[in-house]
Structure formats: structure tokens, C-alpha cells
Amino acid sequence: MKRLRLKKKQSYLLFIFIALIVLVFDISFLVKTNSSSGFNNISTIGAPSSKKPTVAAVASYSVPPANPKYITISAINVNARVDEIYLNANNQIEAPSNIYDSAWYNSSSLPGQKGAMFIDGHVSSWTADGVFYNLKKLVAGEHIVITRGDNTKYTYVVNAVKIYPYNNVDMTQVLAPYTPNTAGLNLMTCTGQVIKNTSNFNERLVVYSTLEA
């Protein structure tokens, strides 16, 4: 009888362990998009790391001179590295490999350029809040500073914060500047609630901003 109870307990713990792994792997940007955008969704392969980078690692971080290096949002206490991400073989925009880093899609605009610079970031993991956990608190008029690889700074002013159903995000719109023919910066993360019996959030949050004149 004791052996039977032990086996049941072991099975239950194994089930919980597997469920946790599945949930962590799915805390990513699974976005169904408008087919005209040419993108299937935004995703990350594997679970993002929850290891916080050291102060030294952040300070010594470097990227090519014209690329975004840091993102600073004083209103929500964000000061993070900006990684470079690509469109993968599944026609998906990747997401950061670490919950404390943001990531710039390298086919979007560079800092200061016309068009939209697109940066995404995780909202959380099982163990900690992600870089964009408080993105939902931003309001129109607040500032976002992008530091380039050569340490040139560009300040963007928030135009709007919008929330979309997770399965109805028009990436053509998200990858375009809020005001046509201007230099824009659009940030994206997950928000809302975890969908019942899944590990996917039911909404996506996008912050639209424009380069300060």
C-alpha cells in the first residue's frame, strides 16, 4: 500500500513538473496576424532565461553603431539591453532569449529613421517580472529613450497604448509608424489573462510612440 501511494505521489509530481515546463515554454508572443503582413506570429524557441544580467554585463554591452543598444523608460523603471532578433525559418519574429532584455526586429527601422522601429519584450516568467511587465502603465506623453551603439540618444513620445486579442493582431499596423512618414517606435508584450487550460495570454499590448521633434 505504501509503495502504491509513493508511486501515485511520484506520478503527481511528474505531472506538475511537465505542466510547469509547458507553461514556461509558452510564455512567448504567440500572435496570429493579418495574412497581408507576411508574418505568422511572434515566438521564441524554448523558454527564455530568467537569469538577471550583472551590472557589468549591461555596462559592457555593445552593438553596431547604428543599432539600438539600450531602452530606457523612466516612468516604469526600465533600463535594459536591446538584443537583435530576426525572422526565423517559420516566418516568425523571434523574441528575447532573456526576460530582462528587450529585442529589436532587425528588418524594422533603426533609431531616428523614418518608419517604425519594433522592439518586443517578455512580460514575465514563472519566477520574475519581465522587462515589459509594467508597460501597461505607460500613458500618452511619456518618454522612451533609445541609446544607439555609438551612444547617440533618441527620445520618443508615447502616442497611444493599445490592447488587441492575442489572435487578432495586425502586424502590418504594428510594424508601421503611428503617424505616417515619421520616425516611430512601437513596443509589444503580452498582457491580460492566461487562457483557461492553456499557457497563452489572451491579449497583446502595443505602445506606439513618435520621435520627439
Foldseek 3Di string as FASTA:
>chain_A
DVVVVVVVVVVVVVVVVVVQQQLQQQLFQAADADVVVQARTAHAGGGAAADDDDPVCLVPDADPQQAWAWKAFPVVGATAGEAEWEQDPRRHTYADSHQAHKYWDVVADTPFDAWETEIEHEQAGPPGGGRCVPVVVDAFQGWMWTQGRNRDIWIWTWDHKDKDFRHYHHVVVQRGAPDHRFYKYKYKYADADQPPPHSHGGMMMMIIIGTDD
